[in-house]
């Protein structure tokens, strides 16, 4: 992207070829873990710092996943 045409008019096969942004923190961390060369190029960030940061964010995501969804809270916790 950016695209100057209506993406919804594309065939299903063409739509599958368009890259999408991560839909969750977990997907974003997976993408960062798979490709972070741009952060280590020129010594901007050391590899170890990136690994530690990703691990910490994974811990944050795991803690977040343990929380009830607002709909669950509304439905079950006000009984």
Foldseek 3Di string as FASTA:
>chain_A
DPDPDDLVVDDPVVNVPDDDDDPDPVSVLVVCVVDVVVCPVPHNDDPVVNVVVSVVVVVVVVVVVPDDDPVCCVVPVVD
